[in-house]
PDB file of N, CA and C in Angstrom:
ATOM      1  N   MET A   1      -2.641  14.124  22.308  1.00  0.00           N
ATOM      2  CA  MET A   1      -1.807  12.869  21.537  1.00  0.00           C
ATOM      3  C   MET A   1      -0.572  13.005  21.335  1.00  0.00           C
ATOM      4  N   GLY A   2       0.027  12.325  21.983  1.00  0.00           N
ATOM      5  CA  GLY A   2       1.701  12.123  21.883  1.00  0.00           C
ATOM      6  C   GLY A   2       2.341  12.382  20.215  1.00  0.00           C
ATOM      7  N   VAL A   3       3.523  13.061  20.286  1.00  0.00           N
ATOM      8  CA  VAL A   3       4.387  13.125  19.183  1.00  0.00           C
ATOM      9  C   VAL A   3       4.688  11.481  18.873  1.00  0.00           C
ATOM     10  N   THR A   4       5.012  11.251  17.927  1.00  0.00           N
ATOM     11  CA  THR A   4       5.944  10.620  17.519  1.00  0.00           C
ATOM     12  C   THR A   4       6.968  10.444  16.804  1.00  0.00           C
ATOM     13  N   LYS A   5       7.796  10.077  17.849  1.00  0.00           N
ATOM     14  CA  LYS A   5       9.538   9.891  18.231  1.00  0.00           C
ATOM     15  C   LYS A   5      10.097   9.127  17.029  1.00  0.00           C
ATOM     16  N   THR A   6       9.594   9.619  15.470  1.00  0.00           N
ATOM     17  CA  THR A   6      10.413   8.446  14.601  1.00  0.00           C
ATOM     18  C   THR A   6      11.740   8.428  14.545  1.00  0.00           C
ATOM     19  N   ASP A   7      12.905   9.482  14.902  1.00  0.00           N
ATOM     20  CA  ASP A   7      13.728   9.537  14.765  1.00  0.00           C
ATOM     21  C   ASP A   7      14.697   8.154  15.670  1.00  0.00           C
ATOM     22  N   LEU A   8      14.041   7.766  16.866  1.00  0.00           N
ATOM     23  CA  LEU A   8      14.093   6.668  17.547  1.00  0.00           C
ATOM     24  C   LEU A   8      14.510   5.069  16.543  1.00  0.00           C
ATOM     25  N   PHE A   9      13.724   5.040  15.493  1.00  0.00           N
ATOM     26  CA  PHE A   9      13.712   4.006  14.786  1.00  0.00           C
ATOM     27  C   PHE A   9      14.769   4.547  13.550  1.00  0.00           C
ATOM     28  N   SER A  10      15.131   3.282  13.160  1.00  0.00           N
ATOM     29  CA  SER A  10      15.797   3.052  11.713  1.00  0.00           C
ATOM     30  C   SER A  10      15.025   3.629  10.450  1.00  0.00           C
ATOM     31  N   THR A  11      15.362   3.768   9.737  1.00  0.00           N
ATOM     32  CA  THR A  11      14.860   4.476   8.415  1.00  0.00           C
ATOM     33  C   THR A  11      14.133   3.183   7.972  1.00  0.00           C
ATOM     34  N   VAL A  12      14.497   1.653   7.878  1.00  0.00           N
ATOM     35  CA  VAL A  12      13.808   1.055   7.149  1.00  0.00           C
ATOM     36  C   VAL A  12      12.539   1.088   7.979  1.00  0.00           C
ATOM     37  N   GLN A  13      12.362   0.722   9.399  1.00  0.00           N
ATOM     38  CA  GLN A  13      11.670   0.554  10.313  1.00  0.00           C
ATOM     39  C   GLN A  13      10.215   2.005  10.097  1.00  0.00           C
ATOM     40  N   ASN A  14      11.024   2.857   9.652  1.00  0.00           N
ATOM     41  CA  ASN A  14       9.734   3.996   9.443  1.00  0.00           C
ATOM     42  C   ASN A  14       9.347   3.865   8.183  1.00  0.00           C
ATOM     43  N   GLU A  15       9.780   3.442   7.000  1.00  0.00           N
ATOM     44  CA  GLU A  15       9.196   3.028   5.664  1.00  0.00           C
ATOM     45  C   GLU A  15       8.253   2.138   5.771  1.00  0.00           C
ATOM     46  N   VAL A  16       8.501   0.939   7.013  1.00  0.00           N
ATOM     47  CA  VAL A  16       7.725  -0.009   6.608  1.00  0.00           C
ATOM     48  C   VAL A  16       6.483   0.048   7.408  1.00  0.00           C
ATOM     49  N   ALA A  17       6.638   1.182   8.491  1.00  0.00           N
ATOM     50  CA  ALA A  17       5.333   1.536   8.963  1.00  0.00           C
ATOM     51  C   ALA A  17       4.376   2.428   7.898  1.00  0.00           C
ATOM     52  N   VAL A  18       5.146   3.383   7.343  1.00  0.00           N
ATOM     53  CA  VAL A  18       4.519   4.225   6.768  1.00  0.00           C
ATOM     54  C   VAL A  18       3.701   3.272   5.494  1.00  0.00           C
ATOM     55  N   ALA A  19       4.713   2.171   4.879  1.00  0.00           N
ATOM     56  CA  ALA A  19       4.033   0.979   4.093  1.00  0.00           C
ATOM     57  C   ALA A  19       2.645   0.696   4.943  1.00  0.00           C
ATOM     58  N   ALA A  20       3.065  -0.175   6.140  1.00  0.00           N
ATOM     59  CA  ALA A  20       1.272  -0.686   6.787  1.00  0.00           C
ATOM     60  C   ALA A  20       0.505   0.481   6.772  1.00  0.00           C
ATOM     61  N   LYS A  21       0.697   1.589   7.318  1.00  0.00           N
ATOM     62  CA  LYS A  21      -0.343   2.047   7.559  1.00  0.00           C
ATOM     63  C   LYS A  21      -0.937   2.841   5.941  1.00  0.00           C
ATOM     64  N   ALA A  22      -0.230   2.629   4.885  1.00  0.00           N
ATOM     65  CA  ALA A  22      -1.658   2.420   3.807  1.00  0.00           C
ATOM     66  C   ALA A  22      -2.075   1.407   3.517  1.00  0.00           C
ATOM     67  N   PHE A  23      -1.526   0.117   4.087  1.00  0.00           N
ATOM     68  CA  PHE A  23      -2.441  -1.191   3.832  1.00  0.00           C
ATOM     69  C   PHE A  23      -3.342  -1.621   4.726  1.00  0.00           C
ATOM     70  N   ALA A  24      -3.314  -0.506   5.486  1.00  0.00           N
ATOM     71  CA  ALA A  24      -4.087  -0.533   7.064  1.00  0.00           C
ATOM     72  C   ALA A  24      -5.561  -0.058   6.477  1.00  0.00           C
ATOM     73  N   HIS A  25      -6.211   0.082   5.548  1.00  0.00           N
ATOM     74  CA  HIS A  25      -7.634   0.221   5.468  1.00  0.00           C
ATOM     75  C   HIS A  25      -7.886  -0.876   4.448  1.00  0.00           C
ATOM     76  N   PRO A  26      -8.972  -1.440   4.482  1.00  0.00           N
ATOM     77  CA  PRO A  26      -9.172  -2.357   3.764  1.00  0.00           C
ATOM     78  C   PRO A  26      -9.862  -1.749   2.358  1.00  0.00           C
ATOM     79  N   ALA A  27     -10.081  -0.673   2.152  1.00  0.00           N
ATOM     80  CA  ALA A  27     -10.595   0.051   0.765  1.00  0.00           C
ATOM     81  C   ALA A  27      -9.309   0.202   0.163  1.00  0.00           C
ATOM     82  N   ARG A  28      -8.093   0.633   0.431  1.00  0.00           N
ATOM     83  CA  ARG A  28      -6.987   0.724  -0.252  1.00  0.00           C
ATOM     84  C   ARG A  28      -6.266  -0.912  -0.297  1.00  0.00           C
ATOM     85  N   VAL A  29      -6.387  -1.878   0.486  1.00  0.00           N
ATOM     86  CA  VAL A  29      -6.235  -2.895   0.181  1.00  0.00           C
ATOM     87  C   VAL A  29      -6.687  -3.391  -1.176  1.00  0.00           C
ATOM     88  N   ALA A  30      -8.109  -3.223  -1.413  1.00  0.00           N
ATOM     89  CA  ALA A  30      -8.887  -3.578  -2.445  1.00  0.00           C
ATOM     90  C   ALA A  30      -8.606  -3.036  -3.785  1.00  0.00           C
ATOM     91  N   ILE A  31      -8.612  -1.848  -3.897  1.00  0.00           N
ATOM     92  CA  ILE A  31      -7.619  -0.800  -5.054  1.00  0.00           C
ATOM     93  C   ILE A  31      -6.144  -1.608  -5.007  1.00  0.00           C
ATOM     94  N   ILE A  32      -5.356  -1.778  -4.515  1.00  0.00           N
ATOM     95  CA  ILE A  32      -4.061  -2.559  -4.808  1.00  0.00           C
ATOM     96  C   ILE A  32      -4.626  -3.813  -5.444  1.00  0.00           C
ATOM     97  N   GLN A  33      -5.779  -5.039  -4.741  1.00  0.00           N
ATOM     98  CA  GLN A  33      -5.695  -5.699  -5.561  1.00  0.00           C
ATOM     99  C   GLN A  33      -6.349  -5.773  -6.613  1.00  0.00           C
ATOM    100  N   HIS A  34      -7.029  -4.390  -7.063  1.00  0.00           N
ATOM    101  CA  HIS A  34      -7.593  -4.625  -8.012  1.00  0.00           C
ATOM    102  C   HIS A  34      -7.049  -4.102  -9.061  1.00  0.00           C
ATOM    103  N   LEU A  35      -5.928  -2.975  -8.772  1.00  0.00           N
ATOM    104  CA  LEU A  35      -4.752  -2.894  -9.634  1.00  0.00           C
ATOM    105  C   LEU A  35      -3.997  -4.312 -10.287  1.00  0.00           C
ATOM    106  N   LEU A  36      -3.515  -4.838  -9.392  1.00  0.00           N
ATOM    107  CA  LEU A  36      -3.019  -5.547  -9.986  1.00  0.00           C
ATOM    108  C   LEU A  36      -3.981  -7.085 -10.634  1.00  0.00           C
ATOM    109  N   ARG A  37      -4.857  -6.793 -10.539  1.00  0.00           N
ATOM    110  CA  ARG A  37      -5.802  -7.865 -11.491  1.00  0.00           C
ATOM    111  C   ARG A  37      -5.715  -7.292 -13.029  1.00  0.00           C
ATOM    112  N   THR A  38      -5.979  -6.295 -13.214  1.00  0.00           N
ATOM    113  CA  THR A  38      -6.086  -5.506 -14.019  1.00  0.00           C
ATOM    114  C   THR A  38      -5.438  -4.788 -14.703  1.00  0.00           C
ATOM    115  N   ASN A  39      -3.960  -4.530 -13.946  1.00  0.00           N
ATOM    116  CA  ASN A  39      -2.949  -3.885 -14.166  1.00  0.00           C
ATOM    117  C   ASN A  39      -2.800  -2.275 -14.561  1.00  0.00           C
ATOM    118  N   ALA A  40      -3.973  -1.944 -14.505  1.00  0.00           N
ATOM    119  CA  ALA A  40      -4.350  -0.751 -15.291  1.00  0.00           C
ATOM    120  C   ALA A  40      -5.581  -0.051 -14.675  1.00  0.00           C
ATOM    121  N   CYS A  41      -6.121   1.044 -14.307  1.00  0.00           N
ATOM    122  CA  CYS A  41      -7.454   1.204 -14.385  1.00  0.00           C
ATOM    123  C   CYS A  41      -8.082   2.920 -13.749  1.00  0.00           C
ATOM    124  N   VAL A  42      -8.980   2.955 -14.488  1.00  0.00           N
ATOM    125  CA  VAL A  42      -9.529   4.447 -14.437  1.00  0.00           C
ATOM    126  C   VAL A  42      -9.982   4.910 -13.093  1.00  0.00           C
ATOM    127  N   ASN A  43      -9.914   5.889 -12.424  1.00  0.00           N
ATOM    128  CA  ASN A  43     -10.693   6.475 -11.092  1.00  0.00           C
ATOM    129  C   ASN A  43     -12.305   5.809 -10.924  1.00  0.00           C
ATOM    130  N   GLY A  44     -13.181   6.253 -12.486  1.00  0.00           N
ATOM    131  CA  GLY A  44     -14.415   5.840 -12.410  1.00  0.00           C
ATOM    132  C   GLY A  44     -14.083   4.056 -12.194  1.00  0.00           C
ATOM    133  N   ASP A  45     -13.728   3.097 -12.568  1.00  0.00           N
ATOM    134  CA  ASP A  45     -13.639   1.647 -12.254  1.00  0.00           C
ATOM    135  C   ASP A  45     -13.511   1.510 -10.768  1.00  0.00           C
ATOM    136  N   LEU A  46     -12.783   2.058 -10.312  1.00  0.00           N
ATOM    137  CA  LEU A  46     -12.748   2.008  -8.866  1.00  0.00           C
ATOM    138  C   LEU A  46     -13.842   2.437  -7.891  1.00  0.00           C
ATOM    139  N   VAL A  47     -14.263   3.119  -8.462  1.00  0.00           N
ATOM    140  CA  VAL A  47     -15.524   3.860  -8.105  1.00  0.00           C
ATOM    141  C   VAL A  47     -16.409   2.530  -7.940  1.00  0.00           C
ATOM    142  N   GLN A  48     -16.699   2.176  -9.004  1.00  0.00           N
ATOM    143  CA  GLN A  48     -17.525   0.920  -9.525  1.00  0.00           C
ATOM    144  C   GLN A  48     -17.325   0.003  -8.511  1.00  0.00           C
ATOM    145  N   GLU A  49     -16.117  -0.674  -9.049  1.00  0.00           N
ATOM    146  CA  GLU A  49     -15.938  -1.489  -8.055  1.00  0.00           C
ATOM    147  C   GLU A  49     -15.623  -2.248  -6.745  1.00  0.00           C
ATOM    148  N   LEU A  50     -15.709  -0.552  -6.089  1.00  0.00           N
ATOM    149  CA  LEU A  50     -15.445  -0.731  -4.948  1.00  0.00           C
ATOM    150  C   LEU A  50     -16.772  -0.139  -3.924  1.00  0.00           C
ATOM    151  N   GLY A  51     -18.026   0.402  -4.671  1.00  0.00           N
ATOM    152  CA  GLY A  51     -18.941   1.111  -4.535  1.00  0.00           C
ATOM    153  C   GLY A  51     -18.592   2.080  -3.533  1.00  0.00           C
ATOM    154  N   LEU A  52     -17.568   3.026  -3.062  1.00  0.00           N
ATOM    155  CA  LEU A  52     -17.358   3.761  -2.598  1.00  0.00           C
ATOM    156  C   LEU A  52     -17.679   5.312  -3.302  1.00  0.00           C
ATOM    157  N   ALA A  53     -17.965   6.453  -2.696  1.00  0.00           N
ATOM    158  CA  ALA A  53     -17.975   7.611  -3.402  1.00  0.00           C
ATOM    159  C   ALA A  53     -16.908   7.851  -4.507  1.00  0.00           C
ATOM    160  N   GLN A  54     -16.958   8.777  -5.188  1.00  0.00           N
ATOM    161  CA  GLN A  54     -15.175   9.348  -5.705  1.00  0.00           C
ATOM    162  C   GLN A  54     -14.334   9.980  -5.325  1.00  0.00           C
ATOM    163  N   ALA A  55     -15.054  11.068  -4.323  1.00  0.00           N
ATOM    164  CA  ALA A  55     -14.200  11.956  -2.779  1.00  0.00           C
ATOM    165  C   ALA A  55     -13.434  10.744  -2.090  1.00  0.00           C
ATOM    166  N   THR A  56     -13.965   9.815  -1.819  1.00  0.00           N
ATOM    167  CA  THR A  56     -13.354   8.583  -0.920  1.00  0.00           C
ATOM    168  C   THR A  56     -12.795   8.105  -1.514  1.00  0.00           C
ATOM    169  N   VAL A  57     -12.956   7.407  -2.457  1.00  0.00           N
ATOM    170  CA  VAL A  57     -11.887   6.460  -4.009  1.00  0.00           C
ATOM    171  C   VAL A  57     -10.595   7.503  -3.827  1.00  0.00           C
ATOM    172  N   SER A  58     -10.625   9.105  -4.393  1.00  0.00           N
ATOM    173  CA  SER A  58      -9.707   9.929  -4.295  1.00  0.00           C
ATOM    174  C   SER A  58      -8.830   9.991  -3.242  1.00  0.00           C
ATOM    175  N   GLN A  59      -9.385  10.265  -2.140  1.00  0.00           N
ATOM    176  CA  GLN A  59      -8.901   9.955  -0.651  1.00  0.00           C
ATOM    177  C   GLN A  59      -7.881   8.580  -0.895  1.00  0.00           C
ATOM    178  N   HIS A  60      -7.987   7.721  -0.923  1.00  0.00           N
ATOM    179  CA  HIS A  60      -7.638   6.638  -1.177  1.00  0.00           C
ATOM    180  C   HIS A  60      -6.281   6.506  -1.714  1.00  0.00           C
ATOM    181  N   LEU A  61      -6.699   6.649  -3.079  1.00  0.00           N
ATOM    182  CA  LEU A  61      -5.516   7.005  -4.073  1.00  0.00           C
ATOM    183  C   LEU A  61      -4.520   7.526  -3.758  1.00  0.00           C
ATOM    184  N   ARG A  62      -4.730   8.795  -3.307  1.00  0.00           N
ATOM    185  CA  ARG A  62      -3.784   9.585  -3.131  1.00  0.00           C
ATOM    186  C   ARG A  62      -3.007   9.458  -1.719  1.00  0.00           C
ATOM    187  N   GLU A  63      -3.494   8.441  -0.665  1.00  0.00           N
ATOM    188  CA  GLU A  63      -2.547   7.797   0.082  1.00  0.00           C
ATOM    189  C   GLU A  63      -1.832   6.437  -0.153  1.00  0.00           C
ATOM    190  N   LEU A  64      -2.017   6.016  -0.860  1.00  0.00           N
ATOM    191  CA  LEU A  64      -1.159   4.675  -2.193  1.00  0.00           C
ATOM    192  C   LEU A  64      -0.272   5.753  -2.955  1.00  0.00           C
ATOM    193  N   LYS A  65      -0.709   6.586  -3.137  1.00  0.00           N
ATOM    194  CA  LYS A  65       0.513   7.383  -4.067  1.00  0.00           C
ATOM    195  C   LYS A  65       1.530   8.605  -3.486  1.00  0.00           C
ATOM    196  N   ASP A  66       0.950   8.592  -2.074  1.00  0.00           N
ATOM    197  CA  ASP A  66       1.942   9.277  -1.030  1.00  0.00           C
ATOM    198  C   ASP A  66       3.247   8.245  -1.062  1.00  0.00           C
ATOM    199  N   ILE A  67       2.641   7.104  -1.070  1.00  0.00           N
ATOM    200  CA  ILE A  67       4.198   6.392  -0.116  1.00  0.00           C
ATOM    201  C   ILE A  67       4.781   5.704  -1.641  1.00  0.00           C
ATOM    202  N   GLY A  68       4.334   5.908  -3.037  1.00  0.00           N
ATOM    203  CA  GLY A  68       4.637   5.701  -4.087  1.00  0.00           C
ATOM    204  C   GLY A  68       4.130   3.950  -4.682  1.00  0.00           C
ATOM    205  N   ILE A  69       3.599   3.469  -4.183  1.00  0.00           N
ATOM    206  CA  ILE A  69       2.972   2.345  -4.332  1.00  0.00           C
ATOM    207  C   ILE A  69       2.204   2.245  -5.829  1.00  0.00           C
ATOM    208  N   ILE A  70       1.568   2.906  -5.855  1.00  0.00           N
ATOM    209  CA  ILE A  70       0.848   3.251  -7.410  1.00  0.00           C
ATOM    210  C   ILE A  70       1.420   4.803  -7.846  1.00  0.00           C
ATOM    211  N   LYS A  71       0.987   4.655  -9.206  1.00  0.00           N
ATOM    212  CA  LYS A  71       1.139   5.873  -9.762  1.00  0.00           C
ATOM    213  C   LYS A  71       0.419   5.806 -10.984  1.00  0.00           C
ATOM    214  N   GLY A  72       0.100   7.248 -11.287  1.00  0.00           N
ATOM    215  CA  GLY A  72      -0.682   7.654 -12.293  1.00  0.00           C
ATOM    216  C   GLY A  72      -0.183   8.220 -13.715  1.00  0.00           C
ATOM    217  N   THR A  73      -1.313   8.383 -14.563  1.00  0.00           N
ATOM    218  CA  THR A  73      -1.134   9.053 -15.903  1.00  0.00           C
ATOM    219  C   THR A  73      -2.044   9.504 -16.342  1.00  0.00           C
ATOM    220  N   ILE A  74      -2.025  10.854 -17.005  1.00  0.00           N
ATOM    221  CA  ILE A  74      -3.302  11.412 -17.193  1.00  0.00           C
ATOM    222  C   ILE A  74      -3.714  11.204 -18.806  1.00  0.00           C
ATOM    223  N   GLU A  75      -4.929  10.649 -18.810  1.00  0.00           N
ATOM    224  CA  GLU A  75      -5.372  10.700 -20.443  1.00  0.00           C
ATOM    225  C   GLU A  75      -6.612  11.481 -20.235  1.00  0.00           C
ATOM    226  N   GLY A  76      -6.715  12.426 -21.402  1.00  0.00           N
ATOM    227  CA  GLY A  76      -7.656  13.348 -21.712  1.00  0.00           C
ATOM    228  C   GLY A  76      -7.916  13.775 -20.038  1.00  0.00           C
ATOM    229  N   SER A  77      -9.579  13.517 -19.564  1.00  0.00           N
ATOM    230  CA  SER A  77      -9.891  13.855 -18.023  1.00  0.00           C
ATOM    231  C   SER A  77      -9.839  12.886 -17.385  1.00  0.00           C
ATOM    232  N   ARG A  78      -8.835  11.976 -18.165  1.00  0.00           N
ATOM    233  CA  ARG A  78      -8.900  10.351 -16.739  1.00  0.00           C
ATOM    234  C   ARG A  78      -7.306  10.625 -16.400  1.00  0.00           C
ATOM    235  N   ILE A  79      -7.452   9.784 -15.144  1.00  0.00           N
ATOM    236  CA  ILE A  79      -5.993   9.356 -14.859  1.00  0.00           C
ATOM    237  C   ILE A  79      -6.054   7.841 -14.661  1.00  0.00           C
ATOM    238  N   SER A  80      -5.289   7.147 -15.183  1.00  0.00           N
ATOM    239  CA  SER A  80      -5.228   5.590 -15.200  1.00  0.00           C
ATOM    240  C   SER A  80      -4.151   5.344 -14.283  1.00  0.00           C
ATOM    241  N   TYR A  81      -4.613   4.196 -13.166  1.00  0.00           N
ATOM    242  CA  TYR A  81      -3.499   4.169 -11.729  1.00  0.00           C
ATOM    243  C   TYR A  81      -3.234   2.802 -12.179  1.00  0.00           C
ATOM    244  N   CYS A  82      -1.624   2.428 -12.100  1.00  0.00           N
ATOM    245  CA  CYS A  82      -1.224   1.183 -12.089  1.00  0.00           C
ATOM    246  C   CYS A  82       0.161   0.854 -10.612  1.00  0.00           C
ATOM    247  N   ILE A  83       0.542  -0.519 -10.315  1.00  0.00           N
ATOM    248  CA  ILE A  83       1.154  -0.357  -9.668  1.00  0.00           C
ATOM    249  C   ILE A  83       2.591  -0.151  -9.745  1.00  0.00           C
ATOM    250  N   ASN A  84       3.325   0.536  -8.679  1.00  0.00           N
ATOM    251  CA  ASN A  84       4.418   1.308  -9.211  1.00  0.00           C
ATOM    252  C   ASN A  84       5.527  -0.227  -9.550  1.00  0.00           C
ATOM    253  N   PRO A  85       6.091  -0.602 -10.113  1.00  0.00           N
ATOM    254  CA  PRO A  85       6.593  -2.255  -9.992  1.00  0.00           C
ATOM    255  C   PRO A  85       8.433  -1.518  -9.244  1.00  0.00           C
ATOM    256  N   VAL A  86       8.679  -0.716  -9.222  1.00  0.00           N
ATOM    257  CA  VAL A  86      10.091  -0.384  -8.339  1.00  0.00           C
ATOM    258  C   VAL A  86       9.780  -0.348  -7.191  1.00  0.00           C
ATOM    259  N   ARG A  87       8.662   0.408  -6.392  1.00  0.00           N
ATOM    260  CA  ARG A  87       8.624   0.608  -5.472  1.00  0.00           C
ATOM    261  C   ARG A  87       7.557  -0.749  -4.501  1.00  0.00           C
ATOM    262  N   TRP A  88       6.859  -0.953  -5.702  1.00  0.00           N
ATOM    263  CA  TRP A  88       5.996  -2.093  -4.720  1.00  0.00           C
ATOM    264  C   TRP A  88       7.644  -3.724  -4.801  1.00  0.00           C
ATOM    265  N   ALA A  89       8.489  -3.735  -5.486  1.00  0.00           N
ATOM    266  CA  ALA A  89       9.537  -4.381  -4.825  1.00  0.00           C
ATOM    267  C   ALA A  89      10.032  -4.057  -3.965  1.00  0.00           C
ATOM    268  N   GLU A  90      10.161  -2.410  -3.529  1.00  0.00           N
ATOM    269  CA  GLU A  90      10.624  -2.565  -2.241  1.00  0.00           C
ATOM    270  C   GLU A  90      10.331  -2.811  -1.212  1.00  0.00           C
ATOM    271  N   ILE A  91       9.247  -2.152  -1.144  1.00  0.00           N
ATOM    272  CA  ILE A  91       8.121  -2.228   0.176  1.00  0.00           C
ATOM    273  C   ILE A  91       8.022  -4.166   0.208  1.00  0.00           C
ATOM    274  N   LYS A  92       7.745  -4.991  -0.911  1.00  0.00           N
ATOM    275  CA  LYS A  92       8.020  -6.251  -1.115  1.00  0.00           C
ATOM    276  C   LYS A  92       9.041  -6.851   0.212  1.00  0.00           C
ATOM    277  N   SER A  93      10.502  -6.418  -0.422  1.00  0.00           N
ATOM    278  CA  SER A  93      11.325  -6.843   0.469  1.00  0.00           C
ATOM    279  C   SER A  93      11.473  -6.181   1.629  1.00  0.00           C
ATOM    280  N   GLN A  94      10.792  -5.211   2.158  1.00  0.00           N
ATOM    281  CA  GLN A  94      10.881  -4.669   3.403  1.00  0.00           C
ATOM    282  C   GLN A  94      10.545  -5.552   4.360  1.00  0.00           C
ATOM    283  N   PHE A  95       8.561  -6.079   3.695  1.00  0.00           N
ATOM    284  CA  PHE A  95       7.879  -6.684   4.972  1.00  0.00           C
ATOM    285  C   PHE A  95       8.698  -8.362   4.809  1.00  0.00           C
ATOM    286  N   ASN A  96       9.534  -9.007   3.342  1.00  0.00           N
ATOM    287  CA  ASN A  96       9.998 -10.176   3.476  1.00  0.00           C
ATOM    288  C   ASN A  96      11.037 -10.593   4.660  1.00  0.00           C
ATOM    289  N   GLU A  97      12.090  -9.333   4.691  1.00  0.00           N
ATOM    290  CA  GLU A  97      13.035  -9.510   5.254  1.00  0.00           C
ATOM    291  C   GLU A  97      12.195  -9.406   7.191  1.00  0.00           C
ATOM    292  N   ILE A  98      11.030  -8.708   7.537  1.00  0.00           N
ATOM    293  CA  ILE A  98      10.651  -8.832   8.445  1.00  0.00           C
ATOM    294  C   ILE A  98      10.117 -10.103   8.845  1.00  0.00           C
ATOM    295  N   PHE A  99       9.272 -10.796   7.967  1.00  0.00           N
ATOM    296  CA  PHE A  99       8.307 -12.021   7.935  1.00  0.00           C
ATOM    297  C   PHE A  99       9.923 -13.346   7.960  1.00  0.00           C
ATOM    298  N   ASN A 100      10.928 -12.866   7.413  1.00  0.00           N
ATOM    299  CA  ASN A 100      11.986 -14.184   6.910  1.00  0.00           C
ATOM    300  C   ASN A 100      12.751 -14.450   7.992  1.00  0.00           C
ATOM    301  N   GLN A 101      12.372 -13.346   8.952  1.00  0.00           N
ATOM    302  CA  GLN A 101      13.160 -13.758  10.262  1.00  0.00           C
ATOM    303  C   GLN A 101      12.563 -14.628  11.334  1.00  0.00           C
ATOM    304  N   PHE A 102      11.853 -14.906  11.153  1.00  0.00           N
ATOM    305  CA  PHE A 102      11.168 -16.095  12.348  1.00  0.00           C
ATOM    306  C   PHE A 102      10.871 -17.257  11.444  1.00  0.00           C
ATOM    307  N   ASP A 103      11.642 -18.201  12.124  1.00  0.00           N
ATOM    308  CA  ASP A 103      11.655 -19.896  11.577  1.00  0.00           C
ATOM    309  C   ASP A 103      10.281 -20.168  12.332  1.00  0.00           C
ATOM    310  N   SER A 104       9.403 -20.959  12.024  1.00  0.00           N
ATOM    311  CA  SER A 104       8.455 -20.942  12.931  1.00  0.00           C
ATOM    312  C   SER A 104       8.996 -22.687  13.713  1.00  0.00           C
ATOM    313  N   PRO A 105       8.810 -22.867  15.091  1.00  0.00           N
ATOM    314  CA  PRO A 105       9.851 -23.580  15.707  1.00  0.00           C
ATOM    315  C   PRO A 105       8.866 -25.009  15.685  1.00  0.00           C
ATOM    316  N   SER A 106       9.588 -26.230  15.247  1.00  0.00           N
ATOM    317  CA  SER A 106       8.852 -27.256  15.029  1.00  0.00           C
ATOM    318  C   SER A 106       8.411 -28.217  16.222  1.00  0.00           C
ATOM    319  N   SER A 107       9.465 -27.887  17.174  1.00  0.00           N
ATOM    320  CA  SER A 107       9.485 -28.645  18.459  1.00  0.00           C
ATOM    321  C   SER A 107       9.309 -27.792  19.853  1.00  0.00           C
ATOM    322  N   GLN A 108       9.480 -26.686  19.449  1.00  0.00           N
ATOM    323  CA  GLN A 108       9.851 -25.645  20.635  1.00  0.00           C
ATOM    324  C   GLN A 108       8.365 -24.899  20.778  1.00  0.00           C
ATOM    325  N   GLU A 109       7.777 -25.112  21.876  1.00  0.00           N
ATOM    326  CA  GLU A 109       6.599 -24.126  22.419  1.00  0.00           C
ATOM    327  C   GLU A 109       7.193 -22.811  22.368  1.00  0.00           C
ATOM    328  N   CYS A 110       5.911 -21.918  22.372  1.00  0.00           N
ATOM    329  CA  CYS A 110       6.466 -20.192  22.144  1.00  0.00           C
ATOM    330  C   CYS A 110       5.250 -19.650  23.783  1.00  0.00           C
ATOM    331  N   CYS A 111       5.797 -18.967  24.027  1.00  0.00           N
ATOM    332  CA  CYS A 111       5.211 -18.107  25.788  1.00  0.00           C
ATOM    333  C   CYS A 111       4.084 -19.509  26.174  1.00  0.00           C
TER     334      CYS A 111
END
């Protein structure tokens, strides 16, 4: 497998790619959607919500924590997770910058 040459790309391009990778699994999208709906939850709730094994859910949570989009607080033997609003805003802004660069052509044909 080839080596990724991240130094060829801007910091923002690399950050967007890392965020996109975190969003690239449906279980992680489901976790984010659940956290957005509930604004906090414990890991056990996610296991029931997703129907996945505890270890699998923990692995997906770790991926989301690694990019900072979620954060967790320890409450006894449980960890409550929530969306990190600062990081959410950063990632949202980065993706919006890309998406907003395209104006849908009204009369112009594409390819």
